[in-house]
Protein backbone atom coordinates (compact mmCIF):
# COMPACT_ATOMS: atom_id res chain seq x y z
CA MET A 1 26.38 31.82 22.23
CA THR A 2 29.56 30.03 23.65
CA VAL A 3 29.64 29.57 27.33
CA ALA A 4 32.82 29.20 28.71
CA GLU A 5 33.78 26.47 31.29
CA VAL A 6 34.71 27.73 34.98
CA PHE A 7 37.72 26.10 36.17
CA GLN A 8 38.78 25.81 39.93
CA GLU A 9 40.76 24.59 42.27
CA ILE A 10 39.67 22.65 45.22
CA SER A 11 41.59 21.58 48.03
CA ALA A 12 42.31 17.88 49.51
CA ALA A 13 39.26 18.53 52.61
CA ASP A 14 36.77 19.86 50.12
CA PHE A 15 37.53 16.69 47.33
CA PHE A 16 36.96 14.50 50.91
CA TYR A 17 33.74 16.67 52.00
CA ARG A 18 32.06 16.28 48.20
CA ASN A 19 33.15 12.65 47.80
CA ARG A 20 33.13 10.94 51.40
CA ASP A 21 31.37 7.53 50.11
CA ILE A 22 34.62 6.87 49.06
CA ALA A 23 36.46 6.89 53.16
CA GLY A 24 33.12 5.15 54.06
CA PHE A 25 30.75 7.70 54.91
CA THR A 26 27.79 6.89 53.03
CA SER A 27 24.97 7.07 55.19
CA PRO A 28 24.60 7.66 58.81
CA SER A 29 24.87 4.30 59.99
CA ARG A 30 27.88 3.37 58.24
CA ALA A 31 29.22 6.71 59.40
CA VAL A 32 28.94 6.05 62.89
CA TYR A 33 30.64 2.86 62.58
CA SER A 34 33.67 4.20 60.22
CA THR A 35 34.16 7.17 63.19
CA ILE A 36 34.49 4.49 65.75
CA ARG A 37 36.83 2.26 63.56
CA GLU A 38 38.81 5.51 62.73
CA LEU A 39 39.19 6.70 65.75
CA VAL A 40 40.08 3.40 67.78
CA GLU A 41 42.71 2.65 65.43
CA ASN A 42 44.43 5.56 65.55
CA SER A 43 44.55 5.04 69.39
CA LEU A 44 45.73 1.67 69.17
CA ASP A 45 48.66 2.62 66.72
CA ALA A 46 49.43 5.63 69.53
CA CYS A 47 50.20 2.33 72.17
CA GLU A 48 51.55 -0.03 70.03
CA THR A 49 53.83 2.60 68.53
CA MET A 50 55.18 3.12 72.17
CA GLY A 51 54.90 -0.61 73.32
CA VAL A 52 52.06 -0.04 75.50
CA PRO A 53 49.17 -2.35 76.08
CA PRO A 54 46.22 -0.24 74.94
CA ASP A 55 43.52 0.76 77.12
CA ILE A 56 41.00 2.15 75.29
CA TYR A 57 37.72 4.14 76.71
CA LEU A 58 34.42 5.03 74.11
CA ARG A 59 31.51 6.77 74.67
CA LEU A 60 28.97 7.00 72.43
CA SER A 61 25.65 9.28 73.63
CA HIS A 62 22.79 10.31 72.06
CA GLU A 63 22.02 14.12 72.03
CA SER A 64 19.16 14.59 69.88
CA GLY A 65 16.19 13.51 67.57
CA PRO A 66 15.08 9.93 67.31
CA VAL A 67 16.75 7.25 69.22
CA ASP A 68 15.79 4.15 66.72
CA GLY A 69 16.85 6.62 63.26
CA PRO A 70 19.42 9.07 62.55
CA GLY A 71 19.89 11.76 65.23
CA VAL A 72 22.52 13.76 66.56
CA TYR A 73 25.55 11.74 68.70
CA SER A 74 28.37 12.66 70.90
CA VAL A 75 31.48 10.59 70.59
CA ARG A 76 34.60 10.61 72.68
CA VAL A 77 37.57 8.16 72.62
CA GLU A 78 40.40 8.33 75.15
CA ASP A 79 43.73 6.19 74.99
CA ASN A 80 47.21 5.92 77.08
CA GLY A 81 49.32 6.23 74.15
CA LEU A 82 52.17 8.02 73.02
CA GLY A 83 50.39 11.65 73.22
CA ILE A 84 50.21 14.43 70.40
CA PRO A 85 52.86 17.63 71.31
CA GLY A 86 50.58 20.59 71.37
CA LYS A 87 51.71 22.37 68.76
CA ILE A 88 50.92 19.56 65.95
CA ILE A 89 47.32 18.81 67.37
CA PRO A 90 45.88 21.64 64.76
CA SER A 91 47.17 20.12 62.00
CA ALA A 92 47.12 16.32 62.87
CA PHE A 93 43.06 16.99 63.29
CA GLY A 94 42.22 20.06 61.33
CA GLN A 95 43.83 19.24 57.88
CA VAL A 96 43.09 15.96 55.26
CA LEU A 97 45.80 14.03 54.22
CA TYR A 98 48.38 15.41 57.27
CA GLY A 99 49.55 13.23 59.74
CA SER A 100 51.65 10.70 60.78
CA LYS A 101 51.12 7.37 58.20
CA TYR A 102 53.58 8.40 54.96
CA LYS A 103 56.23 6.36 56.04
CA LEU A 104 57.41 2.91 54.95
CA ARG A 105 56.40 0.80 57.72
CA GLN A 106 52.98 -1.40 58.85
CA THR A 107 50.75 0.57 60.12
CA ARG A 108 46.69 0.50 60.43
CA GLY A 109 46.28 3.75 58.62
CA GLN A 110 47.56 4.36 55.51
CA PHE A 111 46.12 7.53 54.01
CA GLY A 112 46.31 10.08 56.48
CA LEU A 113 42.73 10.84 56.19
CA GLY A 114 40.11 8.37 58.62
CA GLY A 115 40.49 10.43 61.80
CA LYS A 116 39.97 14.18 60.03
CA MET A 117 37.10 12.28 57.69
CA ALA A 118 34.93 11.58 61.23
CA LEU A 119 35.91 15.29 62.08
CA LEU A 120 34.62 16.47 58.88
CA TYR A 121 31.59 14.73 58.98
CA GLY A 122 30.34 15.48 62.23
CA GLN A 123 31.07 19.14 61.59
CA VAL A 124 29.01 19.08 58.29
CA THR A 125 26.31 17.15 60.18
CA THR A 126 26.01 18.94 63.56
CA HIS A 127 27.88 22.06 62.82
CA SER A 128 29.66 21.67 65.59
CA GLU A 129 33.79 21.72 66.75
CA ALA A 130 35.81 18.68 67.88
CA GLN A 131 37.53 19.02 71.14
CA ILE A 132 40.92 17.19 71.41
CA VAL A 133 43.31 16.93 74.69
CA SER A 134 46.49 15.55 74.57
CA SER A 135 49.83 14.73 76.76
CA THR A 136 52.77 13.52 75.95
CA GLY A 137 54.19 12.28 78.97
CA PRO A 138 53.40 11.94 82.98
CA LYS A 139 55.20 15.51 83.36
CA ASP A 140 53.93 17.64 80.56
CA ARG A 141 51.12 19.51 80.39
CA VAL A 142 47.97 18.76 78.71
CA THR A 143 47.18 20.58 75.92
CA GLU A 144 43.45 21.61 74.82
CA VAL A 145 42.60 22.51 71.32
CA ILE A 146 38.93 23.39 69.94
CA LEU A 147 39.03 23.21 66.71
CA ARG A 148 36.90 23.10 63.35
CA ILE A 149 37.90 22.31 59.75
CA ASP A 150 38.29 25.13 57.04
CA ILE A 151 36.80 23.15 54.17
CA GLN A 152 37.87 25.15 51.22
CA GLN A 153 40.95 25.73 52.35
CA ASN A 154 42.26 22.46 53.79
CA LYS A 155 43.29 24.24 57.11
CA PRO A 156 42.52 24.32 61.06
CA ILE A 157 40.35 27.16 62.37
CA ILE A 158 41.35 27.17 66.11
CA MET A 159 38.72 28.58 68.52
CA LYS A 160 40.55 27.61 71.62
CA ASN A 161 44.23 26.46 72.47
CA LYS A 162 45.53 26.17 75.91
CA THR A 163 47.66 24.10 77.92
CA HIS A 164 46.87 22.83 81.94
CA PRO A 165 48.96 21.46 84.55
CA ASN A 166 49.05 17.57 84.27
CA LYS A 167 47.66 16.84 87.54
CA HIS A 168 47.04 13.00 87.15
CA HIS A 169 50.14 12.34 85.50
CA TRP A 170 48.02 11.53 82.28
CA ARG A 171 49.78 10.31 79.12
CA GLY A 172 47.62 10.08 76.29
CA THR A 173 44.98 11.79 73.72
CA ALA A 174 41.59 12.17 74.05
CA ILE A 175 38.73 13.66 71.45
CA GLU A 176 35.09 14.70 71.35
CA PHE A 177 33.05 15.87 68.71
CA LYS A 178 29.48 15.55 67.52
CA THR A 179 27.99 13.99 64.82
CA GLU A 180 24.94 12.72 62.69
CA ALA A 181 24.75 8.61 63.42
CA ASP A 182 22.23 6.03 63.80
CA TYR A 183 23.09 3.67 66.13
CA SER A 184 19.48 1.38 65.79
CA ARG A 185 21.14 0.04 62.39
CA ALA A 186 25.33 0.13 63.33
CA MET A 187 24.98 -1.51 66.55
CA SER A 188 25.72 -5.35 65.73
CA LYS A 189 28.27 -4.41 63.18
CA ILE A 190 29.97 -2.04 65.96
CA LEU A 191 29.81 -4.93 68.40
CA ASP A 192 30.85 -6.95 66.11
CA TYR A 193 33.89 -5.15 65.41
CA MET A 194 34.57 -4.67 69.35
CA LYS A 195 34.81 -8.29 69.10
CA GLN A 196 37.01 -8.76 66.62
CA THR A 197 39.71 -6.14 67.53
CA ALA A 198 39.91 -7.93 70.91
CA ILE A 199 40.67 -11.18 68.90
CA ILE A 200 43.37 -9.03 66.80
CA VAL A 201 44.87 -7.22 69.54
CA PRO A 202 44.53 -9.49 73.05
CA TYR A 203 46.55 -7.39 74.40
CA ALA A 204 44.16 -4.58 74.68
CA ASN A 205 41.29 -3.12 77.61
CA ILE A 206 38.38 -1.84 75.50
CA THR A 207 35.65 -0.12 77.45
CA PHE A 208 32.63 0.86 75.28
CA VAL A 209 29.56 2.81 76.78
CA ASP A 210 26.82 2.59 74.35
CA PRO A 211 23.79 5.61 73.97
CA ARG A 212 21.37 2.76 75.90
CA GLY A 213 24.04 3.21 78.96
CA ARG A 214 25.36 -0.27 78.54
CA LEU A 215 28.97 -1.30 79.36
CA TYR A 216 30.58 -3.33 76.83
CA ARG A 217 34.16 -4.66 78.21
CA PHE A 218 36.71 -6.29 76.20
CA LEU A 219 39.55 -7.45 79.25
CA ARG A 220 43.01 -7.88 77.07
CA GLY A 221 44.12 -12.23 77.99
CA THR A 222 48.17 -11.02 77.70
CA THR A 223 50.00 -8.03 78.37
CA THR A 224 52.71 -9.09 75.72
CA VAL A 225 52.88 -6.58 72.81
CA PRO A 226 54.59 -7.02 69.73
CA GLU A 227 57.65 -5.62 69.01
CA ALA A 228 56.85 -2.22 66.67
CA PRO A 229 57.61 -1.84 63.24
CA THR A 230 60.82 0.06 62.25
CA GLU A 231 60.69 2.77 59.15
CA THR A 232 62.71 1.42 56.35
CA SER A 233 63.76 2.88 52.73
CA PRO A 234 61.88 1.63 49.49
CA HIS A 235 62.78 -1.88 48.40
CA PRO A 236 63.57 -1.31 44.01
CA HIS A 237 61.08 -3.48 42.65
CA GLY A 238 58.54 -1.23 44.73
CA VAL A 239 59.16 2.21 43.27
CA ASP A 240 58.29 4.29 40.72
CA VAL A 241 59.51 7.47 38.66
CA GLU A 242 58.46 9.99 40.70
CA THR A 243 59.60 8.67 43.97
CA VAL A 244 63.13 8.15 42.16
CA GLN A 245 62.75 11.89 41.02
CA ARG A 246 62.09 12.74 44.80
CA LEU A 247 65.11 10.82 46.59
CA LEU A 248 67.26 12.50 43.20
CA LYS A 249 66.37 15.99 44.39
CA VAL A 250 67.39 15.38 48.12
CA THR A 251 70.06 13.22 47.98
CA ASN A 252 73.91 14.28 49.27
CA ALA A 253 74.85 10.94 47.41
CA LYS A 254 78.06 12.13 44.64
CA THR A 255 77.71 8.79 42.75
CA LEU A 256 74.88 6.01 41.32
CA GLN A 257 76.10 3.76 43.13
CA GLU A 258 76.15 5.34 46.47
CA PHE A 259 72.70 6.74 45.70
CA LEU A 260 71.37 3.02 45.33
CA ARG A 261 73.02 2.31 49.20
CA LYS A 262 72.11 5.16 50.75
CA HIS A 263 68.45 5.26 49.86
CA PHE A 264 66.90 1.74 48.75
CA GLN A 265 67.18 -1.29 51.28
CA ARG A 266 69.06 -4.36 51.01
CA ILE A 267 71.25 -3.25 48.79
CA GLY A 268 75.16 -2.72 49.43
CA ASP A 269 77.85 -2.04 46.99
CA ALA A 270 78.64 -5.42 45.23
CA THR A 271 74.62 -5.22 44.37
CA ALA A 272 74.79 -2.06 43.51
CA ARG A 273 77.94 -2.42 41.12
CA LYS A 274 76.08 -5.88 39.46
CA PHE A 275 73.15 -3.54 38.88
CA LEU A 276 74.40 -0.52 37.28
CA GLN A 277 76.25 -3.40 34.85
CA TYR A 278 73.07 -4.96 33.98
CA ALA A 279 71.03 -0.93 33.62
CA SER A 280 74.16 0.15 31.07
CA MET A 281 74.82 3.12 33.91
CA GLY A 282 77.81 4.16 35.16
CA GLN A 283 78.18 3.70 38.68
CA ARG A 284 80.03 7.38 38.74
CA LYS A 285 77.31 8.88 37.30
CA THR A 286 76.02 11.72 39.61
CA PRO A 287 72.50 11.96 40.22
CA ARG A 288 72.03 15.54 40.05
CA ASN A 289 72.04 15.10 36.65
CA MET A 290 70.11 12.01 35.29
CA THR A 291 67.80 13.39 33.18
CA PRO A 292 64.00 12.26 32.88
CA ASP A 293 65.09 9.04 30.30
CA ASP A 294 67.50 8.21 32.40
CA VAL A 295 65.24 8.13 35.54
CA VAL A 296 62.60 6.45 33.20
CA LYS A 297 65.46 3.72 32.59
CA LEU A 298 66.71 2.85 35.72
CA VAL A 299 63.12 2.21 37.35
CA ASN A 300 62.42 0.18 34.41
CA ALA A 301 65.73 -1.57 35.00
CA MET A 302 64.82 -2.11 38.85
CA LYS A 303 61.44 -3.40 38.21
CA ASN A 304 63.01 -5.90 35.46
CA TYR A 305 66.57 -6.71 37.53
CA GLU A 306 65.91 -10.51 39.77
CA ASP A 307 69.26 -10.31 41.77
CA PHE A 308 67.99 -8.03 44.36
CA LEU A 309 67.49 -9.23 47.81
CA ALA A 310 63.78 -9.89 48.90
CA PRO A 311 62.09 -6.82 50.93
CA ASP A 312 62.93 -6.16 54.99
CA SER A 313 60.60 -7.46 56.88
CA SER A 314 61.05 -5.09 59.88
CA CYS A 315 59.07 -3.21 59.14
CA LEU A 316 56.42 -5.18 59.78
CA SER A 317 54.59 -6.25 63.13
CA PRO A 318 53.01 -9.60 62.36
CA LEU A 319 50.65 -10.34 65.58
CA GLY A 320 52.59 -14.29 66.29
CA GLU A 321 50.93 -17.39 66.68
CA ASP A 322 51.04 -17.37 70.26
CA LEU A 323 49.34 -13.96 70.10
CA LEU A 324 46.20 -14.90 67.78
CA ALA A 325 45.72 -18.25 69.61
CA THR A 326 45.12 -16.04 72.55
CA GLY A 327 42.51 -13.67 71.11
CA ILE A 328 40.58 -16.43 69.37
CA LYS A 329 40.36 -18.79 72.42
CA LYS A 330 39.51 -15.25 74.38
CA GLU A 331 36.54 -14.58 72.74
CA LEU A 332 35.66 -17.52 71.23
CA GLY A 333 35.37 -18.87 75.33
CA ILE A 334 37.67 -21.77 74.41
CA THR A 335 39.51 -22.97 77.29
CA ASP A 336 42.64 -24.94 77.29
CA ASP A 337 41.15 -27.79 79.06
CA ASP A 338 38.57 -27.91 76.34
CA ILE A 339 41.42 -28.12 74.12
CA ALA A 340 43.56 -31.02 76.41
CA GLN A 341 40.16 -33.24 76.44
CA GLY A 342 39.38 -33.00 72.54
CA HIS A 343 36.58 -30.89 72.86
CA ALA A 344 37.53 -28.01 70.75
CA TYR A 345 40.74 -27.18 68.41
CA VAL A 346 42.65 -24.15 67.58
CA GLY A 347 45.80 -23.87 65.77
CA THR A 348 47.62 -20.87 64.22
CA LEU A 349 50.15 -20.74 61.68
CA GLN A 350 52.43 -17.32 60.45
CA ARG A 351 53.84 -18.19 56.82
CA LYS A 352 57.48 -16.22 56.18
CA PRO A 353 57.68 -13.09 54.55
CA ALA A 354 56.90 -12.52 51.41
CA THR A 355 56.63 -9.81 48.57
CA TYR A 356 54.25 -8.23 45.91
CA ALA A 357 55.17 -5.69 43.79
CA GLY A 358 58.12 -4.76 46.17
CA PHE A 359 56.60 -4.57 49.48
CA PRO A 360 56.85 -7.29 52.05
CA PHE A 361 54.13 -8.76 53.47
CA ILE A 362 53.20 -11.77 56.22
CA VAL A 363 50.39 -14.04 56.25
CA GLU A 364 48.63 -15.59 59.18
CA VAL A 365 46.02 -17.55 59.76
CA GLY A 366 44.15 -19.38 62.55
CA LEU A 367 41.59 -22.45 62.22
CA ALA A 368 38.84 -23.39 65.51
CA SER A 369 36.89 -26.02 65.77
CA SER A 370 34.23 -25.90 68.81
CA LYS A 371 30.76 -26.15 70.42
CA ASN A 372 31.05 -22.73 70.29
CA ILE A 373 30.90 -21.70 66.64
CA PRO A 374 27.57 -21.71 64.82
CA THR A 375 27.67 -23.32 61.59
CA GLU A 376 25.44 -21.22 59.71
CA GLY A 377 25.82 -23.35 56.34
CA LYS A 378 29.14 -22.12 55.34
CA ILE A 379 32.69 -21.64 57.34
CA LEU A 380 32.84 -18.64 59.65
CA LEU A 381 35.63 -16.16 58.34
CA PHE A 382 37.17 -13.48 59.96
CA ARG A 383 39.63 -11.11 57.97
CA PHE A 384 41.96 -9.30 58.96
CA ALA A 385 45.01 -6.38 57.61
CA ASN A 386 47.10 -4.55 59.83
CA LYS A 387 45.40 -5.86 62.70
CA ILE A 388 42.12 -3.89 61.33
CA PRO A 389 38.84 -6.39 61.23
CA LEU A 390 37.51 -6.38 58.04
CA LEU A 391 33.73 -6.90 58.05
CA PHE A 392 32.18 -5.30 54.88
CA ASP A 393 31.51 -6.64 51.26
CA GLU A 394 33.24 -9.85 52.25
CA ALA A 395 32.56 -11.75 49.14
CA SER A 396 34.87 -9.22 47.41
CA ASP A 397 37.74 -10.39 49.69
CA VAL A 398 40.76 -12.80 48.09
CA SER A 399 39.99 -14.54 51.63
CA TRP A 400 36.71 -15.17 51.00
CA LYS A 401 37.45 -16.30 47.23
CA VAL A 402 40.33 -18.52 48.50
CA VAL A 403 38.42 -20.16 51.79
CA ASN A 404 34.45 -20.86 49.25
CA ASN A 405 36.46 -21.95 46.10
CA THR A 406 39.82 -22.33 46.51
CA ILE A 407 40.64 -24.92 49.21
CA ASP A 408 38.56 -28.06 48.83
CA TRP A 409 37.93 -28.75 52.37
CA ARG A 410 36.76 -32.73 52.22
CA ASN A 411 40.69 -33.11 52.06
CA TYR A 412 40.75 -32.11 55.54
CA LYS A 413 37.90 -33.55 56.38
CA VAL A 414 36.08 -30.62 56.92
CA ALA A 415 32.27 -30.42 55.73
CA PRO A 416 31.14 -27.10 55.16
CA GLY A 417 28.49 -25.93 57.27
CA GLU A 418 28.34 -28.92 59.20
CA THR A 419 31.27 -28.83 60.57
CA PRO A 420 31.55 -25.61 63.61
CA LEU A 421 34.80 -24.32 62.02
CA ALA A 422 36.22 -20.59 62.11
CA VAL A 423 38.89 -19.17 59.85
CA PHE A 424 40.85 -16.33 60.48
CA VAL A 425 43.26 -14.72 57.80
CA HIS A 426 45.92 -11.69 58.94
CA LEU A 427 47.60 -10.00 56.24
CA CYS A 428 50.19 -7.31 57.56
CA SER A 429 52.36 -5.28 55.17
CA THR A 430 53.38 -1.94 54.63
CA LYS A 431 50.77 -1.22 51.93
CA VAL A 432 47.95 -3.65 51.85
CA PRO A 433 46.34 -3.84 48.66
CA TYR A 434 43.17 -2.71 49.52
CA LYS A 435 40.77 -1.67 46.77
CA THR A 436 39.22 1.17 48.21
CA VAL A 437 40.10 3.77 50.65
CA GLY A 438 37.44 2.22 52.74
CA LYS A 439 40.17 -0.34 53.67
CA GLU A 440 36.97 -3.25 53.92
CA PHE A 441 38.45 -5.60 50.99
CA ILE A 442 41.79 -6.99 49.78
CA ALA A 443 42.37 -7.38 46.06
CA ASP A 444 43.50 -10.47 45.01
CA ARG A 445 46.96 -9.99 44.07
CA PRO A 446 48.68 -13.52 42.82
CA ASP A 447 51.19 -13.25 45.48
CA VAL A 448 49.11 -12.53 48.05
CA GLU A 449 46.27 -15.12 47.42
CA HIS A 450 49.08 -17.97 47.13
CA GLU A 451 50.47 -17.00 50.19
CA ILE A 452 46.54 -17.26 52.21
CA VAL A 453 46.13 -20.49 50.03
CA ASN A 454 49.68 -22.24 51.34
CA ALA A 455 48.92 -21.30 54.93
CA ILE A 456 45.74 -22.51 55.06
CA ARG A 457 46.66 -25.20 53.09
CA GLU A 458 49.66 -25.91 55.63
CA ALA A 459 46.99 -25.40 59.42
CA GLY A 460 44.54 -27.55 57.46
CA ARG A 461 46.56 -30.51 57.59
CA THR A 462 47.06 -30.15 61.42
CA LEU A 463 43.10 -29.32 61.71
CA LYS A 464 42.87 -32.92 59.93
CA LEU A 465 44.31 -34.67 62.46
CA TYR A 466 42.32 -33.34 65.07
CA LEU A 467 39.14 -34.17 63.29
CA SER A 468 40.47 -37.57 62.56
CA LYS A 469 40.88 -38.32 66.24
CA LYS A 470 37.59 -36.59 67.11
CA GLU A 471 36.26 -38.85 64.51
CA HIS A 472 37.44 -42.39 65.92
CA LEU A 473 36.85 -41.11 69.19
CA ALA A 474 33.20 -41.26 67.85
CA THR A 475 33.29 -44.18 66.50
CA GLU A 476 34.64 -45.63 69.48
CA ARG A 477 31.94 -44.22 71.58
CA LYS A 478 29.62 -45.73 69.62
CA ARG A 479 31.21 -49.07 69.82
CA LEU A 480 31.32 -48.72 73.62
CA ASP A 481 27.91 -48.01 73.94
CA VAL A 482 26.96 -51.16 72.44
CA PHE A 483 29.34 -53.31 75.07
CA GLU A 484 27.89 -51.04 78.11
CA LYS A 485 24.86 -51.98 76.98
CA TYR A 486 24.79 -55.92 76.54
CA LEU A 487 28.06 -56.98 78.21
CA PRO A 488 26.10 -56.58 81.88
CA LYS A 489 23.08 -58.49 80.31
CA ILE A 490 25.19 -61.21 79.44
CA ALA A 491 27.12 -61.20 82.54
CA GLN A 492 24.29 -61.81 84.70
CA PHE A 493 22.82 -64.43 82.04
CA SER A 494 25.92 -66.34 82.29
CA THR A 495 26.06 -66.08 86.29
CA LYS A 496 22.60 -67.42 86.20
CA LEU A 497 23.64 -70.17 83.70
CA ALA A 498 26.76 -71.49 85.62
CA LYS A 499 24.83 -71.39 88.96
CA GLN A 500 27.19 -68.32 90.22
CA LYS A 501 26.23 -65.70 92.57
CA ARG A 502 28.54 -63.32 92.32
CA GLU A 503 28.18 -61.68 88.87
CA PRO A 504 31.85 -60.88 86.94
CA GLU A 505 33.03 -57.95 86.89
CA VAL A 506 32.42 -56.28 83.63
CA SER A 507 34.56 -52.81 83.48
CA THR A 508 38.10 -54.11 83.40
CA LEU A 509 36.96 -56.26 79.96
CA LEU A 510 35.28 -52.53 78.87
CA LYS A 511 38.32 -51.21 79.14
CA SER A 512 40.64 -53.60 77.86
CA VAL A 513 38.39 -53.22 74.27
CA MET A 514 39.08 -49.21 74.42
CA LYS A 515 41.39 -47.68 71.86
CA TYR A 516 41.85 -44.30 72.84
CA GLY A 517 41.25 -45.47 77.06
CA PRO A 518 42.05 -41.94 78.64
CA ALA A 519 40.08 -39.66 76.26
CA ASN A 520 37.12 -41.84 76.20
CA GLU A 521 37.05 -41.98 80.22
CA GLU A 522 37.45 -38.09 80.42
CA GLU A 523 34.66 -37.84 77.94
CA GLN A 524 32.45 -40.38 80.02
CA GLU A 525 32.97 -37.93 83.72
CA GLN A 526 31.87 -35.28 81.33
CA GLU A 527 28.69 -37.35 80.12
C-alpha cells in the first residue's frame, strides 16, 4: 500500500514558532535575554532615527512559578522614540517579517523578526496577549492596542484598539507582556548586556528594575547623538538577479543607461556608458524588454566590473572616536585625571569606509589599559555590531580570531594575561555578516577581517608608546627608590666625617637624577 505524502504551506510566523531556536529563543534563560535585547534595541533605533538621546525604562517582574528556575515574568519596555502610527501598530507587532528594517541603511535589526519573536515566545509559553501603547508626538493622541499573533495565518488578532487623550504630552512606545523566563540563570548576561550597551551607546539613559526590585541605572555621559544614517540605493557589486528583476518591474526609466543611473548608487551617465560598453549591452536598450538571460548577463557584468566607485557610506552611522572613548571611560571607571597622570590609557580609532560584497562597512576599535580591567589570564574582548553588544559564541567571531590568533601582542609590549588590556571592536554596516539569525557573532569575511587587523595594529602602535613610557617610569621608580634609601645615609655619614653640623639637602640631588620629573612627582604624591 502506497502512502501519499501530504504537502502543506506554513506561514512565516509558524515557521519561526517551530524553529525559534535559530532566533536565539532556545531556553527560558536565553529567551529572556533575547527578549530584553530585541526590545531595547528597537527602542534605541526609534530614538536615534530622530536624533534624540534615548531614555529607556525596562522592568522585569516575577508573576508565578519558582524564583530560582523557569517561571512566568512580566516584561515592560518604554522609550522616548518617534512612536508608531496607530494604524501600523497591529502589523508592526503582530506580523512576523513586517517592519522598517528592510531598507539599505544601518539599523540594529536586519530581519524584522526579533521583537515579534519575543511576543511570539511569550504567547506560546504563557498564553497571554501583548499590550502596546504609543504616541508619535506631544500633540497626537495615544493609541493602545492589545493583541495576539495568529501563528498559522501570520496576522495580528486585535483584542483592543483605542485612542486616548495625550494628557502628559508624551511621545514614544511602551510594550508589556508575559513570558516564560529563568532570570536567575540569565541575570549575569542581562547585566553584561546593559553595561556593554552603555559603552557603545554612551548618550543613552537606561533604567532597569529587576524581579528582585533592584534598580540599575546606566547614565549617559554625553547628549551628542551620532548623525542618523540615510537610506541609499544598492551598489552594483552587491545585487543579485532577483534584486535587479524587482527593480526592472517598477522602473519608469526609458533606457538601460537611465535605469542604472536612477536605481544604483554612485553611477552617473559616464560610468553607465562605460559599464554598458564593457557588458556589451546597448545603453538605449529598454529595461522593460530585458529577457531573463539579459538580466543574468547584466548582473554577472556588474559583479566583475572593477571601475565602479566604492559604495556610499552615508547610509552608515558609526559611533566616532570621541563617543567610543566616552563610553569606555564611563563604564570602566577611568577618569581624565587617570589618563593625564599615566595611570590609565584609552585610545580609539575609526577606519575609513570599506566594502565587502558591495556592502559598505566601517570598523572602529578601542584599546584600554587600567588597573580596573581584570586580566583573567587573557585579553578582555568587547564585540559590537551596529551598536549591539555581542555576548555569546565569542570564539566563533572574527574579532576573537584576530585578537587571539592574528595579532602578535608582543610587538606592542602587551603580555596577554598579564597586561590589563581591553579591546573593543565595533563593526557597522548595512548588512553585518552574521552567521546566524540570532546575531551573536560575525563571520570571518576576508575584507572585514583585514580591516579589523589593520585597525588594531594602528591603535596598538599608540598603546605601545604608553606602555613603553610606563615601563620606563617603573624602572625610574626603582632607581629613585635606591637613591631615596641610601642618599640620606650617605649625607649623614659625610656630615659626621666632615665634622659638620648641618646635613646637605638631598632632595635637589634626587630631582636632578629624575628622567621624568613631573610624572614621577605626581606618582610620589599618589603613593
